[in-house]
């Protein structure tokens, strides 16, 4: 049996999901559900931690407004990827693999081995 908090979480998530790309404010949720904004805020925080919703500042009529948006549920989607080409990337045999990353000195953007491999893959296709 679901607890009251779980039911409220699901209800709030569904309301946010129904708004689609327009999002919804805390005040709108509070007035729609007839619950205090503090209680809704706690539930929203849990939904953000579970990565079910996102909180964004949006400009409306020249004012910054905080709105909540539903995130896609990627756990239920199945994605098939052919790994034949990925396995051959130079990254898997590189001695700097664990030092490599966006914003660091060694990165995919500045790696000549990766660039060569990409160009060869494009030219052979």
PDB file of N, CA and C in Angstrom:
ATOM      1  N   UNK A   1       0.833  -1.181   0.000  1.00  0.00           N
ATOM      2  CA  UNK A   1       0.000   0.000   0.000  1.00  0.00           C
ATOM      3  C   UNK A   1       0.877   1.242   0.000  1.00  0.00           C
ATOM      4  N   UNK A   2       0.545   2.218  -0.820  1.00  0.00           N
ATOM      5  CA  UNK A   2       1.351   3.430  -0.924  1.00  0.00           C
ATOM      6  C   UNK A   2       1.067   4.360   0.251  1.00  0.00           C
ATOM      7  N   UNK A   3       2.103   5.067   0.673  1.00  0.00           N
ATOM      8  CA  UNK A   3       1.925   6.035   1.742  1.00  0.00           C
ATOM      9  C   UNK A   3       1.382   7.329   1.160  1.00  0.00           C
ATOM     10  N   UNK A   4       0.936   8.223   2.051  1.00  0.00           N
ATOM     11  CA  UNK A   4       0.396   9.518   1.612  1.00  0.00           C
ATOM     12  C   UNK A   4       1.459  10.318   0.867  1.00  0.00           C
ATOM     13  N   UNK A   5       2.718  10.262   1.343  1.00  0.00           N
ATOM     14  CA  UNK A   5       3.809  10.998   0.682  1.00  0.00           C
ATOM     15  C   UNK A   5       4.045  10.473  -0.725  1.00  0.00           C
ATOM     16  N   UNK A   6       4.005   9.137  -0.900  1.00  0.00           N
ATOM     17  CA  UNK A   6       4.230   8.558  -2.225  1.00  0.00           C
ATOM     18  C   UNK A   6       3.103   8.938  -3.172  1.00  0.00           C
ATOM     19  N   UNK A   7       1.878   8.935  -2.684  1.00  0.00           N
ATOM     20  CA  UNK A   7       0.743   9.329  -3.517  1.00  0.00           C
ATOM     21  C   UNK A   7       0.887  10.793  -3.920  1.00  0.00           C
ATOM     22  N   UNK A   8       1.277  11.638  -2.998  1.00  0.00           N
ATOM     23  CA  UNK A   8       1.473  13.051  -3.303  1.00  0.00           C
ATOM     24  C   UNK A   8       2.603  13.235  -4.318  1.00  0.00           C
ATOM     25  N   UNK A   9       3.680  12.458  -4.192  1.00  0.00           N
ATOM     26  CA  UNK A   9       4.788  12.534  -5.142  1.00  0.00           C
ATOM     27  C   UNK A   9       4.310  12.202  -6.548  1.00  0.00           C
ATOM     28  N   UNK A  10       3.587  11.111  -6.663  1.00  0.00           N
ATOM     29  CA  UNK A  10       3.081  10.695  -7.976  1.00  0.00           C
ATOM     30  C   UNK A  10       2.092  11.706  -8.535  1.00  0.00           C
ATOM     31  N   UNK A  11       1.227  12.220  -7.684  1.00  0.00           N
ATOM     32  CA  UNK A  11       0.241  13.209  -8.127  1.00  0.00           C
ATOM     33  C   UNK A  11       0.928  14.462  -8.643  1.00  0.00           C
ATOM     34  N   UNK A  12       1.896  14.944  -7.882  1.00  0.00           N
ATOM     35  CA  UNK A  12       2.615  16.156  -8.281  1.00  0.00           C
ATOM     36  C   UNK A  12       3.409  15.912  -9.558  1.00  0.00           C
ATOM     37  N   UNK A  13       4.059  14.750  -9.653  1.00  0.00           N
ATOM     38  CA  UNK A  13       4.815  14.427 -10.865  1.00  0.00           C
ATOM     39  C   UNK A  13       3.894  14.416 -12.080  1.00  0.00           C
ATOM     40  N   UNK A  14       2.732  13.798 -11.950  1.00  0.00           N
ATOM     41  CA  UNK A  14       1.788  13.721 -13.073  1.00  0.00           C
ATOM     42  C   UNK A  14       1.283  15.106 -13.481  1.00  0.00           C
ATOM     43  N   UNK A  15       1.031  15.964 -12.513  1.00  0.00           N
ATOM     44  CA  UNK A  15       0.591  17.334 -12.832  1.00  0.00           C
ATOM     45  C   UNK A  15       1.684  18.071 -13.595  1.00  0.00           C
ATOM     46  N   UNK A  16       2.926  17.939 -13.131  1.00  0.00           N
ATOM     47  CA  UNK A  16       4.051  18.605 -13.801  1.00  0.00           C
ATOM     48  C   UNK A  16       4.224  18.034 -15.208  1.00  0.00           C
ATOM     49  N   UNK A  17       4.084  16.725 -15.341  1.00  0.00           N
ATOM     50  CA  UNK A  17       4.241  16.080 -16.643  1.00  0.00           C
ATOM     51  C   UNK A  17       3.166  16.553 -17.622  1.00  0.00           C
ATOM     52  N   UNK A  18       1.947  16.770 -17.131  1.00  0.00           N
ATOM     53  CA  UNK A  18       0.848  17.228 -17.983  1.00  0.00           C
ATOM     54  C   UNK A  18       1.072  18.638 -18.532  1.00  0.00           C
ATOM     55  N   UNK A  19       1.864  19.452 -17.828  1.00  0.00           N
ATOM     56  CA  UNK A  19       2.111  20.822 -18.303  1.00  0.00           C
ATOM     57  C   UNK A  19       3.033  20.836 -19.509  1.00  0.00           C
ATOM     58  N   UNK A  20       3.748  19.740 -19.732  1.00  0.00           N
ATOM     59  CA  UNK A  20       4.623  19.639 -20.898  1.00  0.00           C
ATOM     60  C   UNK A  20       5.765  20.631 -20.834  1.00  0.00           C
ATOM     61  N   UNK A  21       6.016  21.300 -21.954  1.00  0.00           N
ATOM     62  CA  UNK A  21       7.138  22.229 -22.060  1.00  0.00           C
ATOM     63  C   UNK A  21       6.901  23.567 -21.393  1.00  0.00           C
ATOM     64  N   UNK A  22       5.675  23.857 -20.971  1.00  0.00           N
ATOM     65  CA  UNK A  22       5.405  25.154 -20.347  1.00  0.00           C
ATOM     66  C   UNK A  22       5.789  25.181 -18.876  1.00  0.00           C
ATOM     67  N   UNK A  23       5.852  24.020 -18.218  1.00  0.00           N
ATOM     68  CA  UNK A  23       6.236  23.962 -16.818  1.00  0.00           C
ATOM     69  C   UNK A  23       5.167  24.511 -15.900  1.00  0.00           C
ATOM     70  N   UNK A  24       5.433  24.475 -14.584  1.00  0.00           N
ATOM     71  CA  UNK A  24       4.476  24.952 -13.590  1.00  0.00           C
ATOM     72  C   UNK A  24       5.237  25.509 -12.395  1.00  0.00           C
ATOM     73  N   UNK A  25       4.683  26.540 -11.784  1.00  0.00           N
ATOM     74  CA  UNK A  25       5.312  27.164 -10.621  1.00  0.00           C
ATOM     75  C   UNK A  25       4.844  26.488  -9.338  1.00  0.00           C
ATOM     76  N   UNK A  26       5.575  26.738  -8.257  1.00  0.00           N
ATOM     77  CA  UNK A  26       5.208  26.221  -6.945  1.00  0.00           C
ATOM     78  C   UNK A  26       3.844  26.766  -6.522  1.00  0.00           C
ATOM     79  N   UNK A  27       3.598  28.037  -6.788  1.00  0.00           N
ATOM     80  CA  UNK A  27       2.324  28.654  -6.415  1.00  0.00           C
ATOM     81  C   UNK A  27       1.155  28.008  -7.159  1.00  0.00           C
ATOM     82  N   UNK A  28       1.350  27.703  -8.446  1.00  0.00           N
ATOM     83  CA  UNK A  28       0.305  27.047  -9.226  1.00  0.00           C
ATOM     84  C   UNK A  28       0.019  25.652  -8.676  1.00  0.00           C
ATOM     85  N   UNK A  29       1.067  24.916  -8.337  1.00  0.00           N
ATOM     86  CA  UNK A  29       0.879  23.589  -7.743  1.00  0.00           C
ATOM     87  C   UNK A  29       0.130  23.683  -6.424  1.00  0.00           C
ATOM     88  N   UNK A  30       0.513  24.645  -5.601  1.00  0.00           N
ATOM     89  CA  UNK A  30      -0.114  24.828  -4.297  1.00  0.00           C
ATOM     90  C   UNK A  30      -1.604  25.127  -4.434  1.00  0.00           C
ATOM     91  N   UNK A  31      -1.963  26.010  -5.360  1.00  0.00           N
ATOM     92  CA  UNK A  31      -3.378  26.355  -5.528  1.00  0.00           C
ATOM     93  C   UNK A  31      -4.158  25.203  -6.180  1.00  0.00           C
ATOM     94  N   UNK A  32      -3.532  24.466  -7.108  1.00  0.00           N
ATOM     95  CA  UNK A  32      -4.207  23.331  -7.754  1.00  0.00           C
ATOM     96  C   UNK A  32      -4.516  22.208  -6.769  1.00  0.00           C
ATOM     97  N   UNK A  33      -3.570  21.937  -5.868  1.00  0.00           N
ATOM     98  CA  UNK A  33      -3.722  20.810  -4.951  1.00  0.00           C
ATOM     99  C   UNK A  33      -4.321  21.194  -3.608  1.00  0.00           C
ATOM    100  N   UNK A  34      -4.323  22.478  -3.297  1.00  0.00           N
ATOM    101  CA  UNK A  34      -4.833  22.920  -2.004  1.00  0.00           C
ATOM    102  C   UNK A  34      -3.944  22.509  -0.849  1.00  0.00           C
ATOM    103  N   UNK A  35      -2.655  22.367  -1.129  1.00  0.00           N
ATOM    104  CA  UNK A  35      -1.677  22.002  -0.106  1.00  0.00           C
ATOM    105  C   UNK A  35      -0.764  23.193   0.159  1.00  0.00           C
ATOM    106  N   UNK A  36      -0.196  23.265   1.360  1.00  0.00           N
ATOM    107  CA  UNK A  36       0.744  24.358   1.630  1.00  0.00           C
ATOM    108  C   UNK A  36       1.997  24.244   0.761  1.00  0.00           C
ATOM    109  N   UNK A  37       2.528  25.381   0.348  1.00  0.00           N
ATOM    110  CA  UNK A  37       3.690  25.381  -0.541  1.00  0.00           C
ATOM    111  C   UNK A  37       4.911  24.737   0.112  1.00  0.00           C
ATOM    112  N   UNK A  38       5.030  24.795   1.425  1.00  0.00           N
ATOM    113  CA  UNK A  38       6.165  24.179   2.120  1.00  0.00           C
ATOM    114  C   UNK A  38       6.129  22.655   1.941  1.00  0.00           C
ATOM    115  N   UNK A  39       4.950  22.053   2.046  1.00  0.00           N
ATOM    116  CA  UNK A  39       4.807  20.614   1.866  1.00  0.00           C
ATOM    117  C   UNK A  39       5.123  20.219   0.424  1.00  0.00           C
ATOM    118  N   UNK A  40       4.636  20.996  -0.520  1.00  0.00           N
ATOM    119  CA  UNK A  40       4.900  20.718  -1.937  1.00  0.00           C
ATOM    120  C   UNK A  40       6.376  20.885  -2.232  1.00  0.00           C
ATOM    121  N   UNK A  41       6.996  21.884  -1.631  1.00  0.00           N
ATOM    122  CA  UNK A  41       8.417  22.142  -1.845  1.00  0.00           C
ATOM    123  C   UNK A  41       9.265  20.940  -1.425  1.00  0.00           C
ATOM    124  N   UNK A  42       8.908  20.306  -0.316  1.00  0.00           N
ATOM    125  CA  UNK A  42       9.640  19.118   0.139  1.00  0.00           C
ATOM    126  C   UNK A  42       9.498  17.973  -0.859  1.00  0.00           C
ATOM    127  N   UNK A  43       8.298  17.796  -1.382  1.00  0.00           N
ATOM    128  CA  UNK A  43       8.057  16.740  -2.365  1.00  0.00           C
ATOM    129  C   UNK A  43       8.802  17.049  -3.659  1.00  0.00           C
ATOM    130  N   UNK A  44       8.812  18.325  -4.070  1.00  0.00           N
ATOM    131  CA  UNK A  44       9.540  18.723  -5.280  1.00  0.00           C
ATOM    132  C   UNK A  44      11.025  18.427  -5.139  1.00  0.00           C
ATOM    133  N   UNK A  45      11.562  18.673  -3.963  1.00  0.00           N
ATOM    134  CA  UNK A  45      12.983  18.406  -3.722  1.00  0.00           C
ATOM    135  C   UNK A  45      13.280  16.912  -3.891  1.00  0.00           C
ATOM    136  N   UNK A  46      12.376  16.063  -3.387  1.00  0.00           N
ATOM    137  CA  UNK A  46      12.561  14.612  -3.550  1.00  0.00           C
ATOM    138  C   UNK A  46      12.505  14.214  -5.019  1.00  0.00           C
ATOM    139  N   UNK A  47      11.577  14.809  -5.766  1.00  0.00           N
ATOM    140  CA  UNK A  47      11.455  14.494  -7.189  1.00  0.00           C
ATOM    141  C   UNK A  47      12.690  14.946  -7.963  1.00  0.00           C
ATOM    142  N   UNK A  48      13.277  16.077  -7.567  1.00  0.00           N
ATOM    143  CA  UNK A  48      14.505  16.566  -8.208  1.00  0.00           C
ATOM    144  C   UNK A  48      15.655  15.600  -7.908  1.00  0.00           C
ATOM    145  N   UNK A  49      15.747  15.131  -6.653  1.00  0.00           N
ATOM    146  CA  UNK A  49      16.797  14.184  -6.276  1.00  0.00           C
ATOM    147  C   UNK A  49      16.666  12.872  -7.043  1.00  0.00           C
ATOM    148  N   UNK A  50      15.435  12.454  -7.314  1.00  0.00           N
ATOM    149  CA  UNK A  50      15.190  11.223  -8.069  1.00  0.00           C
ATOM    150  C   UNK A  50      15.338  11.437  -9.573  1.00  0.00           C
ATOM    151  N   UNK A  51      15.642  12.682  -9.960  1.00  0.00           N
ATOM    152  CA  UNK A  51      15.820  13.077 -11.362  1.00  0.00           C
ATOM    153  C   UNK A  51      14.563  12.836 -12.199  1.00  0.00           C
ATOM    154  N   UNK A  52      13.401  13.061 -11.570  1.00  0.00           N
ATOM    155  CA  UNK A  52      12.134  12.955 -12.286  1.00  0.00           C
ATOM    156  C   UNK A  52      11.690  14.314 -12.807  1.00  0.00           C
ATOM    157  N   UNK A  53      12.134  15.387 -12.122  1.00  0.00           N
ATOM    158  CA  UNK A  53      11.790  16.741 -12.557  1.00  0.00           C
ATOM    159  C   UNK A  53      13.028  17.619 -12.509  1.00  0.00           C
ATOM    160  N   UNK A  54      12.932  18.778 -13.184  1.00  0.00           N
ATOM    161  CA  UNK A  54      14.018  19.768 -13.161  1.00  0.00           C
ATOM    162  C   UNK A  54      13.427  21.113 -12.769  1.00  0.00           C
ATOM    163  N   UNK A  55      14.234  21.903 -12.107  1.00  0.00           N
ATOM    164  CA  UNK A  55      13.835  23.252 -11.674  1.00  0.00           C
ATOM    165  C   UNK A  55      14.622  24.242 -12.524  1.00  0.00           C
ATOM    166  N   UNK A  56      13.895  25.158 -13.196  1.00  0.00           N
ATOM    167  CA  UNK A  56      14.568  26.121 -14.068  1.00  0.00           C
ATOM    168  C   UNK A  56      13.999  27.517 -13.855  1.00  0.00           C
ATOM    169  N   UNK A  57      14.868  28.513 -14.010  1.00  0.00           N
ATOM    170  CA  UNK A  57      14.445  29.914 -13.987  1.00  0.00           C
ATOM    171  C   UNK A  57      14.110  30.323 -15.415  1.00  0.00           C
ATOM    172  N   UNK A  58      12.884  30.788 -15.639  1.00  0.00           N
ATOM    173  CA  UNK A  58      12.389  31.156 -16.956  1.00  0.00           C
ATOM    174  C   UNK A  58      11.998  32.628 -16.938  1.00  0.00           C
ATOM    175  N   UNK A  59      12.297  33.340 -18.019  1.00  0.00           N
ATOM    176  CA  UNK A  59      11.869  34.734 -18.146  1.00  0.00           C
ATOM    177  C   UNK A  59      10.445  34.774 -18.697  1.00  0.00           C
ATOM    178  N   UNK A  60       9.524  35.400 -17.946  1.00  0.00           N
ATOM    179  CA  UNK A  60       8.151  35.601 -18.391  1.00  0.00           C
ATOM    180  C   UNK A  60       7.771  37.048 -18.109  1.00  0.00           C
ATOM    181  N   UNK A  61       7.369  37.735 -19.149  1.00  0.00           N
ATOM    182  CA  UNK A  61       6.987  39.153 -19.022  1.00  0.00           C
ATOM    183  C   UNK A  61       8.073  39.981 -18.346  1.00  0.00           C
ATOM    184  N   UNK A  62       9.329  39.688 -18.672  1.00  0.00           N
ATOM    185  CA  UNK A  62      10.452  40.450 -18.140  1.00  0.00           C
ATOM    186  C   UNK A  62      10.871  40.056 -16.736  1.00  0.00           C
ATOM    187  N   UNK A  63      10.180  39.095 -16.123  1.00  0.00           N
ATOM    188  CA  UNK A  63      10.513  38.666 -14.759  1.00  0.00           C
ATOM    189  C   UNK A  63      11.033  37.231 -14.787  1.00  0.00           C
ATOM    190  N   UNK A  64      11.932  36.935 -13.861  1.00  0.00           N
ATOM    191  CA  UNK A  64      12.454  35.577 -13.729  1.00  0.00           C
ATOM    192  C   UNK A  64      11.498  34.771 -12.849  1.00  0.00           C
ATOM    193  N   UNK A  65      11.017  33.644 -13.383  1.00  0.00           N
ATOM    194  CA  UNK A  65      10.063  32.803 -12.675  1.00  0.00           C
ATOM    195  C   UNK A  65      10.648  31.399 -12.567  1.00  0.00           C
ATOM    196  N   UNK A  66      10.548  30.801 -11.370  1.00  0.00           N
ATOM    197  CA  UNK A  66      11.016  29.439 -11.168  1.00  0.00           C
ATOM    198  C   UNK A  66       9.886  28.486 -11.547  1.00  0.00           C
ATOM    199  N   UNK A  67      10.203  27.558 -12.481  1.00  0.00           N
ATOM    200  CA  UNK A  67       9.210  26.572 -12.915  1.00  0.00           C
ATOM    201  C   UNK A  67       9.810  25.176 -12.828  1.00  0.00           C
ATOM    202  N   UNK A  68       8.916  24.216 -12.719  1.00  0.00           N
ATOM    203  CA  UNK A  68       9.308  22.816 -12.638  1.00  0.00           C
ATOM    204  C   UNK A  68       8.857  22.090 -13.900  1.00  0.00           C
ATOM    205  N   UNK A  69       9.741  21.239 -14.423  1.00  0.00           N
ATOM    206  CA  UNK A  69       9.491  20.515 -15.663  1.00  0.00           C
ATOM    207  C   UNK A  69       9.746  19.028 -15.441  1.00  0.00           C
ATOM    208  N   UNK A  70       8.932  18.185 -16.050  1.00  0.00           N
ATOM    209  CA  UNK A  70       9.131  16.734 -15.973  1.00  0.00           C
ATOM    210  C   UNK A  70      10.275  16.338 -16.901  1.00  0.00           C
ATOM    211  N   UNK A  71      11.092  15.413 -16.449  1.00  0.00           N
ATOM    212  CA  UNK A  71      12.177  14.885 -17.252  1.00  0.00           C
ATOM    213  C   UNK A  71      11.730  13.561 -17.859  1.00  0.00           C
ATOM    214  N   UNK A  72      12.314  13.216 -18.987  1.00  0.00           N
ATOM    215  CA  UNK A  72      11.975  11.955 -19.652  1.00  0.00           C
ATOM    216  C   UNK A  72      12.391  10.782 -18.778  1.00  0.00           C
ATOM    217  N   UNK A  73      11.607   9.753 -18.785  1.00  0.00           N
ATOM    218  CA  UNK A  73      11.903   8.542 -18.033  1.00  0.00           C
ATOM    219  C   UNK A  73      12.705   7.608 -18.919  1.00  0.00           C
ATOM    220  N   UNK A  74      14.028   7.715 -18.843  1.00  0.00           N
ATOM    221  CA  UNK A  74      14.896   6.935 -19.713  1.00  0.00           C
ATOM    222  C   UNK A  74      15.041   5.490 -19.254  1.00  0.00           C
ATOM    223  N   UNK A  75      14.664   5.204 -18.002  1.00  0.00           N
ATOM    224  CA  UNK A  75      14.781   3.837 -17.511  1.00  0.00           C
ATOM    225  C   UNK A  75      13.862   2.884 -18.261  1.00  0.00           C
ATOM    226  N   UNK A  76      12.734   3.386 -18.743  1.00  0.00           N
ATOM    227  CA  UNK A  76      11.770   2.514 -19.405  1.00  0.00           C
ATOM    228  C   UNK A  76      12.043   2.375 -20.905  1.00  0.00           C
ATOM    229  N   UNK A  77      13.005   3.130 -21.420  1.00  0.00           N
ATOM    230  CA  UNK A  77      13.306   3.069 -22.840  1.00  0.00           C
ATOM    231  C   UNK A  77      14.468   2.106 -23.090  1.00  0.00           C
ATOM    232  N   UNK A  78      14.369   1.343 -24.152  1.00  0.00           N
ATOM    233  CA  UNK A  78      15.430   0.427 -24.531  1.00  0.00           C
ATOM    234  C   UNK A  78      16.122   0.998 -25.761  1.00  0.00           C
ATOM    235  N   UNK A  79      17.426   1.141 -25.663  1.00  0.00           N
ATOM    236  CA  UNK A  79      18.208   1.691 -26.760  1.00  0.00           C
ATOM    237  C   UNK A  79      19.235   0.645 -27.170  1.00  0.00           C
ATOM    238  N   UNK A  80      19.247   0.321 -28.448  1.00  0.00           N
ATOM    239  CA  UNK A  80      20.203  -0.644 -28.968  1.00  0.00           C
ATOM    240  C   UNK A  80      21.322   0.102 -29.679  1.00  0.00           C
ATOM    241  N   UNK A  81      22.546  -0.263 -29.334  1.00  0.00           N
ATOM    242  CA  UNK A  81      23.715   0.390 -29.908  1.00  0.00           C
ATOM    243  C   UNK A  81      24.661  -0.684 -30.434  1.00  0.00           C
ATOM    244  N   UNK A  82      25.146  -0.491 -31.646  1.00  0.00           N
ATOM    245  CA  UNK A  82      26.160  -1.389 -32.181  1.00  0.00           C
ATOM    246  C   UNK A  82      27.512  -0.918 -31.660  1.00  0.00           C
ATOM    247  N   UNK A  83      28.214  -1.794 -30.987  1.00  0.00           N
ATOM    248  CA  UNK A  83      29.480  -1.422 -30.376  1.00  0.00           C
ATOM    249  C   UNK A  83      30.690  -1.768 -31.232  1.00  0.00           C
ATOM    250  N   UNK A  84      30.463  -2.281 -32.431  1.00  0.00           N
ATOM    251  CA  UNK A  84      31.578  -2.679 -33.288  1.00  0.00           C
ATOM    252  C   UNK A  84      32.585  -1.554 -33.472  1.00  0.00           C
ATOM    253  N   UNK A  85      32.120  -0.375 -33.830  1.00  0.00           N
ATOM    254  CA  UNK A  85      33.015   0.752 -34.083  1.00  0.00           C
ATOM    255  C   UNK A  85      33.526   1.383 -32.788  1.00  0.00           C
ATOM    256  N   UNK A  86      32.707   1.401 -31.757  1.00  0.00           N
ATOM    257  CA  UNK A  86      33.099   2.047 -30.495  1.00  0.00           C
ATOM    258  C   UNK A  86      34.266   1.311 -29.848  1.00  0.00           C
ATOM    259  N   UNK A  87      34.285  -0.003 -29.966  1.00  0.00           N
ATOM    260  CA  UNK A  87      35.342  -0.802 -29.356  1.00  0.00           C
ATOM    261  C   UNK A  87      36.707  -0.456 -29.959  1.00  0.00           C
ATOM    262  N   UNK A  88      36.710  -0.017 -31.202  1.00  0.00           N
ATOM    263  CA  UNK A  88      37.967   0.301 -31.883  1.00  0.00           C
ATOM    264  C   UNK A  88      38.465   1.721 -31.614  1.00  0.00           C
ATOM    265  N   UNK A  89      37.771   2.497 -30.807  1.00  0.00           N
ATOM    266  CA  UNK A  89      38.238   3.863 -30.539  1.00  0.00           C
ATOM    267  C   UNK A  89      39.584   3.812 -29.832  1.00  0.00           C
ATOM    268  N   UNK A  90      40.425   4.784 -30.098  1.00  0.00           N
ATOM    269  CA  UNK A  90      41.737   4.797 -29.451  1.00  0.00           C
ATOM    270  C   UNK A  90      41.651   5.059 -27.948  1.00  0.00           C
ATOM    271  N   UNK A  91      40.514   5.496 -27.474  1.00  0.00           N
ATOM    272  CA  UNK A  91      40.359   5.808 -26.053  1.00  0.00           C
ATOM    273  C   UNK A  91      40.593   4.593 -25.159  1.00  0.00           C
ATOM    274  N   UNK A  92      40.158   3.422 -25.611  1.00  0.00           N
ATOM    275  CA  UNK A  92      40.243   2.230 -24.771  1.00  0.00           C
ATOM    276  C   UNK A  92      41.661   1.725 -24.595  1.00  0.00           C
ATOM    277  N   UNK A  93      42.567   2.125 -25.458  1.00  0.00           N
ATOM    278  CA  UNK A  93      43.959   1.697 -25.331  1.00  0.00           C
ATOM    279  C   UNK A  93      44.871   2.852 -24.921  1.00  0.00           C
ATOM    280  N   UNK A  94      44.305   4.012 -24.672  1.00  0.00           N
ATOM    281  CA  UNK A  94      45.094   5.203 -24.337  1.00  0.00           C
ATOM    282  C   UNK A  94      45.561   5.162 -22.885  1.00  0.00           C
ATOM    283  N   UNK A  95      46.830   5.525 -22.672  1.00  0.00           N
ATOM    284  CA  UNK A  95      47.372   5.539 -21.313  1.00  0.00           C
ATOM    285  C   UNK A  95      46.825   6.716 -20.494  1.00  0.00           C
ATOM    286  N   UNK A  96      46.243   7.710 -21.168  1.00  0.00           N
ATOM    287  CA  UNK A  96      45.709   8.886 -20.477  1.00  0.00           C
ATOM    288  C   UNK A  96      44.191   8.841 -20.289  1.00  0.00           C
ATOM    289  N   UNK A  97      43.603   7.671 -20.449  1.00  0.00           N
ATOM    290  CA  UNK A  97      42.147   7.550 -20.392  1.00  0.00           C
ATOM    291  C   UNK A  97      41.569   8.127 -19.103  1.00  0.00           C
ATOM    292  N   UNK A  98      42.177   7.859 -17.971  1.00  0.00           N
ATOM    293  CA  UNK A  98      41.625   8.307 -16.695  1.00  0.00           C
ATOM    294  C   UNK A  98      41.938   9.770 -16.390  1.00  0.00           C
ATOM    295  N   UNK A  99      42.822  10.366 -17.150  1.00  0.00           N
ATOM    296  CA  UNK A  99      43.120  11.797 -17.009  1.00  0.00           C
ATOM    297  C   UNK A  99      42.298  12.633 -17.977  1.00  0.00           C
ATOM    298  N   UNK A 100      41.691  11.976 -18.949  1.00  0.00           N
ATOM    299  CA  UNK A 100      40.981  12.651 -20.025  1.00  0.00           C
ATOM    300  C   UNK A 100      39.578  13.066 -19.586  1.00  0.00           C
ATOM    301  N   UNK A 101      39.156  14.249 -20.002  1.00  0.00           N
ATOM    302  CA  UNK A 101      37.802  14.701 -19.698  1.00  0.00           C
ATOM    303  C   UNK A 101      37.581  16.113 -20.182  1.00  0.00           C
ATOM    304  N   UNK A 102      36.320  16.490 -20.313  1.00  0.00           N
ATOM    305  CA  UNK A 102      35.989  17.850 -20.747  1.00  0.00           C
ATOM    306  C   UNK A 102      36.521  18.863 -19.748  1.00  0.00           C
ATOM    307  N   UNK A 103      37.205  19.871 -20.247  1.00  0.00           N
ATOM    308  CA  UNK A 103      37.739  20.928 -19.404  1.00  0.00           C
ATOM    309  C   UNK A 103      39.119  20.643 -18.843  1.00  0.00           C
ATOM    310  N   UNK A 104      39.619  19.419 -18.965  1.00  0.00           N
ATOM    311  CA  UNK A 104      40.959  19.135 -18.457  1.00  0.00           C
ATOM    312  C   UNK A 104      41.977  19.317 -19.578  1.00  0.00           C
ATOM    313  N   UNK A 105      43.261  19.254 -19.214  1.00  0.00           N
ATOM    314  CA  UNK A 105      44.327  19.460 -20.192  1.00  0.00           C
ATOM    315  C   UNK A 105      44.235  18.426 -21.310  1.00  0.00           C
ATOM    316  N   UNK A 106      44.012  17.180 -20.924  1.00  0.00           N
ATOM    317  CA  UNK A 106      43.819  16.108 -21.896  1.00  0.00           C
ATOM    318  C   UNK A 106      42.314  15.923 -22.052  1.00  0.00           C
ATOM    319  N   UNK A 107      41.804  16.144 -23.261  1.00  0.00           N
ATOM    320  CA  UNK A 107      40.359  16.062 -23.479  1.00  0.00           C
ATOM    321  C   UNK A 107      40.060  15.512 -24.869  1.00  0.00           C
ATOM    322  N   UNK A 108      38.851  15.008 -25.088  1.00  0.00           N
ATOM    323  CA  UNK A 108      38.485  14.526 -26.422  1.00  0.00           C
ATOM    324  C   UNK A 108      38.587  15.619 -27.486  1.00  0.00           C
ATOM    325  N   UNK A 109      38.362  16.867 -27.104  1.00  0.00           N
ATOM    326  CA  UNK A 109      38.432  17.973 -28.057  1.00  0.00           C
ATOM    327  C   UNK A 109      39.849  18.212 -28.572  1.00  0.00           C
ATOM    328  N   UNK A 110      40.851  17.930 -27.741  1.00  0.00           N
ATOM    329  CA  UNK A 110      42.228  18.209 -28.145  1.00  0.00           C
ATOM    330  C   UNK A 110      43.025  16.946 -28.494  1.00  0.00           C
ATOM    331  N   UNK A 111      42.396  15.799 -28.507  1.00  0.00           N
ATOM    332  CA  UNK A 111      43.098  14.531 -28.758  1.00  0.00           C
ATOM    333  C   UNK A 111      43.271  14.294 -30.258  1.00  0.00           C
ATOM    334  N   UNK A 112      44.519  14.267 -30.704  1.00  0.00           N
ATOM    335  CA  UNK A 112      44.782  14.050 -32.128  1.00  0.00           C
ATOM    336  C   UNK A 112      44.503  12.598 -32.524  1.00  0.00           C
ATOM    337  N   UNK A 113      44.732  11.636 -31.620  1.00  0.00           N
ATOM    338  CA  UNK A 113      44.463  10.227 -31.939  1.00  0.00           C
ATOM    339  C   UNK A 113      42.964  10.008 -32.191  1.00  0.00           C
ATOM    340  N   UNK A 114      42.145  10.607 -31.362  1.00  0.00           N
ATOM    341  CA  UNK A 114      40.701  10.475 -31.539  1.00  0.00           C
ATOM    342  C   UNK A 114      40.254  11.172 -32.821  1.00  0.00           C
ATOM    343  N   UNK A 115      40.807  12.342 -33.089  1.00  0.00           N
ATOM    344  CA  UNK A 115      40.471  13.067 -34.322  1.00  0.00           C
ATOM    345  C   UNK A 115      40.841  12.249 -35.559  1.00  0.00           C
ATOM    346  N   UNK A 116      42.033  11.664 -35.566  1.00  0.00           N
ATOM    347  CA  UNK A 116      42.456  10.824 -36.694  1.00  0.00           C
ATOM    348  C   UNK A 116      41.506   9.652 -36.878  1.00  0.00           C
ATOM    349  N   UNK A 117      41.133   9.004 -35.774  1.00  0.00           N
ATOM    350  CA  UNK A 117      40.238   7.851 -35.837  1.00  0.00           C
ATOM    351  C   UNK A 117      38.871   8.246 -36.404  1.00  0.00           C
ATOM    352  N   UNK A 118      38.362   9.400 -35.981  1.00  0.00           N
ATOM    353  CA  UNK A 118      37.066   9.875 -36.480  1.00  0.00           C
ATOM    354  C   UNK A 118      37.150  10.144 -37.975  1.00  0.00           C
ATOM    355  N   UNK A 119      38.212  10.835 -38.410  1.00  0.00           N
ATOM    356  CA  UNK A 119      38.364  11.126 -39.848  1.00  0.00           C
ATOM    357  C   UNK A 119      38.492   9.849 -40.673  1.00  0.00           C
ATOM    358  N   UNK A 120      39.245   8.873 -40.158  1.00  0.00           N
ATOM    359  CA  UNK A 120      39.354   7.597 -40.868  1.00  0.00           C
ATOM    360  C   UNK A 120      38.017   6.887 -40.942  1.00  0.00           C
ATOM    361  N   UNK A 121      37.248   6.946 -39.847  1.00  0.00           N
ATOM    362  CA  UNK A 121      35.919   6.309 -39.838  1.00  0.00           C
ATOM    363  C   UNK A 121      34.970   6.961 -40.814  1.00  0.00           C
ATOM    364  N   UNK A 122      35.044   8.289 -40.920  1.00  0.00           N
ATOM    365  CA  UNK A 122      34.183   9.021 -41.838  1.00  0.00           C
ATOM    366  C   UNK A 122      34.568   8.729 -43.282  1.00  0.00           C
ATOM    367  N   UNK A 123      35.870   8.735 -43.557  1.00  0.00           N
ATOM    368  CA  UNK A 123      36.342   8.504 -44.927  1.00  0.00           C
ATOM    369  C   UNK A 123      36.091   7.078 -45.403  1.00  0.00           C
ATOM    370  N   UNK A 124      36.103   6.124 -44.484  1.00  0.00           N
ATOM    371  CA  UNK A 124      35.886   4.733 -44.893  1.00  0.00           C
ATOM    372  C   UNK A 124      34.395   4.397 -45.033  1.00  0.00           C
ATOM    373  N   UNK A 125      33.547   5.258 -44.506  1.00  0.00           N
ATOM    374  CA  UNK A 125      32.092   4.985 -44.559  1.00  0.00           C
ATOM    375  C   UNK A 125      31.503   5.295 -45.914  1.00  0.00           C
TER     376      UNK A 125
END
